[in-house]
Amino acid sequence: MNENEAPPPSGFDLGHIDVRGDRGEASSRSHTPDQAMMIYLSLTLLMDGLRRFLTGWGRSFTTSAVDSSFSLTFRRGKDGSIETVYDGMVIDRSSAADLASAVHAGAERFEKPRLPLLPGDDAGREDLEKSLADFGNFAARLPRRNAGE
């Protein structure tokens, strides 16, 4: 490879995450030190951990990005709602089903244009594909509240 050529895409590439909620936003961008993360692996950890949290009884779950100081905390309310917290600030409060649906949709928006660029046997790609499929099946089974509730 020529020294001026970019390396081929990899499941270990760095990237950023943007989270938007009904009460605020969080991003790994524009921080010192840089909070870029191994994005494929970080999304896998987020979905796998969030699925375990939402099916369990724990009061909170914190996910930390791979190779970054960026983290999100999810807290379960007494009414079953889930708060998404970044740096001590609540940025969203929603039902488990709405949270899972939003996370899944965001992960799909990320992967659709990017995964085809990775080799089929890339470990980061394989992990994200499996996690995305598992999380999608999980999110589809969560009970939805009626709009009037």
C-alpha atoms as a PDB file:
ATOM      1  CA  MET A   1       0.000   0.000   0.000  1.00  0.00           C
ATOM      2  CA  ASN A   2       1.266   3.475  -0.875  1.00  0.00           C
ATOM      3  CA  GLU A   3       1.926   5.603   2.204  1.00  0.00           C
ATOM      4  CA  ASN A   4      -0.609   8.178   0.926  1.00  0.00           C
ATOM      5  CA  GLU A   5      -3.375   5.593   0.539  1.00  0.00           C
ATOM      6  CA  ALA A   6      -5.952   5.247   3.257  1.00  0.00           C
ATOM      7  CA  PRO A   7      -6.140   1.787   4.809  1.00  0.00           C
ATOM      8  CA  PRO A   8      -9.166  -0.291   3.810  1.00  0.00           C
ATOM      9  CA  PRO A   9     -12.240   0.041   6.057  1.00  0.00           C
ATOM     10  CA  SER A  10     -12.198  -2.153   9.155  1.00  0.00           C
ATOM     11  CA  GLY A  11     -14.575  -3.114  11.933  1.00  0.00           C
ATOM     12  CA  PHE A  12     -12.050  -1.479  14.253  1.00  0.00           C
ATOM     13  CA  ASP A  13     -12.332   1.977  12.633  1.00  0.00           C
ATOM     14  CA  LEU A  14     -12.963   5.009  14.795  1.00  0.00           C
ATOM     15  CA  GLY A  15     -16.147   7.019  14.552  1.00  0.00           C
ATOM     16  CA  HIS A  16     -18.561   9.181  16.520  1.00  0.00           C
ATOM     17  CA  ILE A  17     -22.015   8.820  17.986  1.00  0.00           C
ATOM     18  CA  ASP A  18     -24.759  11.437  18.256  1.00  0.00           C
ATOM     19  CA  VAL A  19     -27.690  10.863  20.610  1.00  0.00           C
ATOM     20  CA  ARG A  20     -30.809  13.031  20.478  1.00  0.00           C
ATOM     21  CA  GLY A  21     -33.563  12.809  23.042  1.00  0.00           C
ATOM     22  CA  ASP A  22     -36.660  14.726  24.049  1.00  0.00           C
ATOM     23  CA  ARG A  23     -34.651  16.677  26.657  1.00  0.00           C
ATOM     24  CA  GLY A  24     -31.265  17.189  25.070  1.00  0.00           C
ATOM     25  CA  GLU A  25     -28.420  15.813  23.006  1.00  0.00           C
ATOM     26  CA  ALA A  26     -25.085  14.083  23.509  1.00  0.00           C
ATOM     27  CA  SER A  27     -22.233  13.588  21.097  1.00  0.00           C
ATOM     28  CA  SER A  28     -18.745  12.161  21.110  1.00  0.00           C
ATOM     29  CA  ARG A  29     -17.696  14.924  18.683  1.00  0.00           C
ATOM     30  CA  SER A  30     -15.713  18.070  19.508  1.00  0.00           C
ATOM     31  CA  HIS A  31     -14.276  16.997  22.865  1.00  0.00           C
ATOM     32  CA  THR A  32     -10.794  17.361  24.260  1.00  0.00           C
ATOM     33  CA  PRO A  33      -9.481  14.781  24.540  1.00  0.00           C
ATOM     34  CA  ASP A  34     -11.078  13.295  21.438  1.00  0.00           C
ATOM     35  CA  GLN A  35     -13.893  10.843  22.179  1.00  0.00           C
ATOM     36  CA  ALA A  36     -13.863   9.011  18.850  1.00  0.00           C
ATOM     37  CA  MET A  37     -14.536   5.332  19.488  1.00  0.00           C
ATOM     38  CA  MET A  38     -14.242   1.993  17.770  1.00  0.00           C
ATOM     39  CA  ILE A  39     -17.707   2.589  16.449  1.00  0.00           C
ATOM     40  CA  TYR A  40     -18.641  -0.892  15.187  1.00  0.00           C
ATOM     41  CA  LEU A  41     -17.631  -2.517  18.479  1.00  0.00           C
ATOM     42  CA  SER A  42     -19.200   0.269  20.558  1.00  0.00           C
ATOM     43  CA  LEU A  43     -22.574  -0.114  18.826  1.00  0.00           C
ATOM     44  CA  THR A  44     -22.416  -3.861  19.412  1.00  0.00           C
ATOM     45  CA  LEU A  45     -21.714  -3.337  23.135  1.00  0.00           C
ATOM     46  CA  LEU A  46     -24.506  -0.759  23.387  1.00  0.00           C
ATOM     47  CA  MET A  47     -27.149  -3.009  21.845  1.00  0.00           C
ATOM     48  CA  ASP A  48     -26.061  -6.192  23.651  1.00  0.00           C
ATOM     49  CA  GLY A  49     -25.859  -4.451  27.025  1.00  0.00           C
ATOM     50  CA  LEU A  50     -29.094  -2.540  26.575  1.00  0.00           C
ATOM     51  CA  ARG A  51     -30.936  -5.735  25.643  1.00  0.00           C
ATOM     52  CA  ARG A  52     -29.700  -7.401  28.854  1.00  0.00           C
ATOM     53  CA  PHE A  53     -30.630  -4.329  30.917  1.00  0.00           C
ATOM     54  CA  LEU A  54     -34.135  -4.024  29.479  1.00  0.00           C
ATOM     55  CA  THR A  55     -34.884  -7.708  30.111  1.00  0.00           C
ATOM     56  CA  GLY A  56     -33.443  -7.637  33.638  1.00  0.00           C
ATOM     57  CA  TRP A  57     -34.320  -5.974  36.903  1.00  0.00           C
ATOM     58  CA  GLY A  58     -31.295  -3.727  37.370  1.00  0.00           C
ATOM     59  CA  ARG A  59     -31.910  -0.060  38.161  1.00  0.00           C
ATOM     60  CA  SER A  60     -29.231   1.244  35.787  1.00  0.00           C
ATOM     61  CA  PHE A  61     -26.805   0.295  33.063  1.00  0.00           C
ATOM     62  CA  THR A  62     -23.784   2.231  31.821  1.00  0.00           C
ATOM     63  CA  THR A  63     -22.239   1.518  28.465  1.00  0.00           C
ATOM     64  CA  SER A  64     -18.786   2.803  27.672  1.00  0.00           C
ATOM     65  CA  ALA A  65     -17.484   3.174  24.154  1.00  0.00           C
ATOM     66  CA  VAL A  66     -14.502   1.080  23.062  1.00  0.00           C
ATOM     67  CA  ASP A  67     -11.243   3.063  23.143  1.00  0.00           C
ATOM     68  CA  SER A  68     -13.031   6.256  24.263  1.00  0.00           C
ATOM     69  CA  SER A  69     -14.174   7.997  27.424  1.00  0.00           C
ATOM     70  CA  PHE A  70     -17.695   8.479  26.003  1.00  0.00           C
ATOM     71  CA  SER A  71     -20.417   6.718  27.983  1.00  0.00           C
ATOM     72  CA  LEU A  72     -24.183   6.692  28.410  1.00  0.00           C
ATOM     73  CA  THR A  73     -26.177   5.594  31.437  1.00  0.00           C
ATOM     74  CA  PHE A  74     -29.702   4.216  31.283  1.00  0.00           C
ATOM     75  CA  ARG A  75     -31.830   4.406  34.455  1.00  0.00           C
ATOM     76  CA  ARG A  76     -35.104   2.605  35.064  1.00  0.00           C
ATOM     77  CA  GLY A  77     -37.878   4.722  36.600  1.00  0.00           C
ATOM     78  CA  LYS A  78     -40.436   3.377  39.036  1.00  0.00           C
ATOM     79  CA  ASP A  79     -43.043   3.699  36.279  1.00  0.00           C
ATOM     80  CA  GLY A  80     -40.945   1.529  33.946  1.00  0.00           C
ATOM     81  CA  SER A  81     -39.709   4.433  31.838  1.00  0.00           C
ATOM     82  CA  ILE A  82     -36.031   4.609  30.919  1.00  0.00           C
ATOM     83  CA  GLU A  83     -33.922   7.741  31.282  1.00  0.00           C
ATOM     84  CA  THR A  84     -30.892   8.168  29.038  1.00  0.00           C
ATOM     85  CA  VAL A  85     -28.194  10.127  30.853  1.00  0.00           C
ATOM     86  CA  TYR A  86     -25.020  11.700  29.482  1.00  0.00           C
ATOM     87  CA  ASP A  87     -22.520  13.462  31.724  1.00  0.00           C
ATOM     88  CA  GLY A  88     -25.105  13.696  34.523  1.00  0.00           C
ATOM     89  CA  MET A  89     -27.778  15.271  32.298  1.00  0.00           C
ATOM     90  CA  VAL A  90     -31.000  13.455  31.356  1.00  0.00           C
ATOM     91  CA  ILE A  91     -31.292  13.703  27.583  1.00  0.00           C
ATOM     92  CA  ASP A  92     -34.284  11.419  27.109  1.00  0.00           C
ATOM     93  CA  ARG A  93     -37.073   9.704  28.995  1.00  0.00           C
ATOM     94  CA  SER A  94     -39.076   7.104  27.129  1.00  0.00           C
ATOM     95  CA  SER A  95     -40.581   3.650  27.285  1.00  0.00           C
ATOM     96  CA  ALA A  96     -38.323   0.630  26.886  1.00  0.00           C
ATOM     97  CA  ALA A  97     -39.985  -0.127  23.532  1.00  0.00           C
ATOM     98  CA  ASP A  98     -39.453   3.408  22.216  1.00  0.00           C
ATOM     99  CA  LEU A  99     -35.829   3.441  23.386  1.00  0.00           C
ATOM    100  CA  ALA A 100     -35.106   0.055  21.809  1.00  0.00           C
ATOM    101  CA  SER A 101     -36.781   1.109  18.580  1.00  0.00           C
ATOM    102  CA  ALA A 102     -34.763   4.349  18.419  1.00  0.00           C
ATOM    103  CA  VAL A 103     -31.459   2.586  19.151  1.00  0.00           C
ATOM    104  CA  HIS A 104     -32.183  -0.061  16.539  1.00  0.00           C
ATOM    105  CA  ALA A 105     -33.166   2.528  13.917  1.00  0.00           C
ATOM    106  CA  GLY A 106     -30.005   4.541  14.600  1.00  0.00           C
ATOM    107  CA  ALA A 107     -27.790   1.475  14.359  1.00  0.00           C
ATOM    108  CA  GLU A 108     -29.450   0.516  11.069  1.00  0.00           C
ATOM    109  CA  ARG A 109     -28.892   4.028   9.668  1.00  0.00           C
ATOM    110  CA  PHE A 110     -25.221   3.641  10.553  1.00  0.00           C
ATOM    111  CA  GLU A 111     -24.708   0.139   9.197  1.00  0.00           C
ATOM    112  CA  LYS A 112     -26.615   0.187   5.926  1.00  0.00           C
ATOM    113  CA  PRO A 113     -24.089   2.276   3.948  1.00  0.00           C
ATOM    114  CA  ARG A 114     -21.016   1.118   5.891  1.00  0.00           C
ATOM    115  CA  LEU A 115     -21.152  -2.643   6.467  1.00  0.00           C
ATOM    116  CA  PRO A 116     -21.050  -3.478   2.742  1.00  0.00           C
ATOM    117  CA  LEU A 117     -17.656  -1.712   2.594  1.00  0.00           C
ATOM    118  CA  LEU A 118     -16.129  -4.126   5.122  1.00  0.00           C
ATOM    119  CA  PRO A 119     -14.800  -7.564   4.201  1.00  0.00           C
ATOM    120  CA  GLY A 120     -17.334 -10.325   4.863  1.00  0.00           C
ATOM    121  CA  ASP A 121     -15.060 -11.989   7.405  1.00  0.00           C
ATOM    122  CA  ASP A 122     -14.278  -8.798   9.365  1.00  0.00           C
ATOM    123  CA  ALA A 123     -14.804  -9.525  13.077  1.00  0.00           C
ATOM    124  CA  GLY A 124     -16.324  -6.101  13.791  1.00  0.00           C
ATOM    125  CA  ARG A 125     -18.749  -6.543  10.913  1.00  0.00           C
ATOM    126  CA  GLU A 126     -19.767 -10.031  12.015  1.00  0.00           C
ATOM    127  CA  ASP A 127     -20.348  -8.904  15.601  1.00  0.00           C
ATOM    128  CA  LEU A 128     -22.408  -5.879  14.572  1.00  0.00           C
ATOM    129  CA  GLU A 129     -24.511  -7.884  12.093  1.00  0.00           C
ATOM    130  CA  LYS A 130     -25.372 -10.464  14.761  1.00  0.00           C
ATOM    131  CA  SER A 131     -26.051  -7.868  17.434  1.00  0.00           C
ATOM    132  CA  LEU A 132     -28.225  -5.813  15.093  1.00  0.00           C
ATOM    133  CA  ALA A 133     -30.302  -8.854  14.134  1.00  0.00           C
ATOM    134  CA  ASP A 134     -30.687  -9.963  17.772  1.00  0.00           C
ATOM    135  CA  PHE A 135     -31.564  -6.457  18.942  1.00  0.00           C
ATOM    136  CA  GLY A 136     -34.051  -5.971  16.098  1.00  0.00           C
ATOM    137  CA  ASN A 137     -35.858  -9.195  17.036  1.00  0.00           C
ATOM    138  CA  PHE A 138     -35.831  -8.150  20.700  1.00  0.00           C
ATOM    139  CA  ALA A 139     -37.141  -4.625  19.965  1.00  0.00           C
ATOM    140  CA  ALA A 140     -39.948  -5.983  17.782  1.00  0.00           C
ATOM    141  CA  ARG A 141     -41.209  -8.153  20.668  1.00  0.00           C
ATOM    142  CA  LEU A 142     -41.388  -5.342  23.252  1.00  0.00           C
ATOM    143  CA  PRO A 143     -44.940  -4.321  24.120  1.00  0.00           C
ATOM    144  CA  ARG A 144     -45.957  -0.900  22.828  1.00  0.00           C
ATOM    145  CA  ARG A 145     -48.094   1.487  24.854  1.00  0.00           C
ATOM    146  CA  ASN A 146     -51.270   2.788  23.302  1.00  0.00           C
ATOM    147  CA  ALA A 147     -51.078   6.407  22.147  1.00  0.00           C
ATOM    148  CA  GLY A 148     -53.803   7.353  24.667  1.00  0.00           C
ATOM    149  CA  GLU A 149     -51.867   6.126  27.709  1.00  0.00           C
END
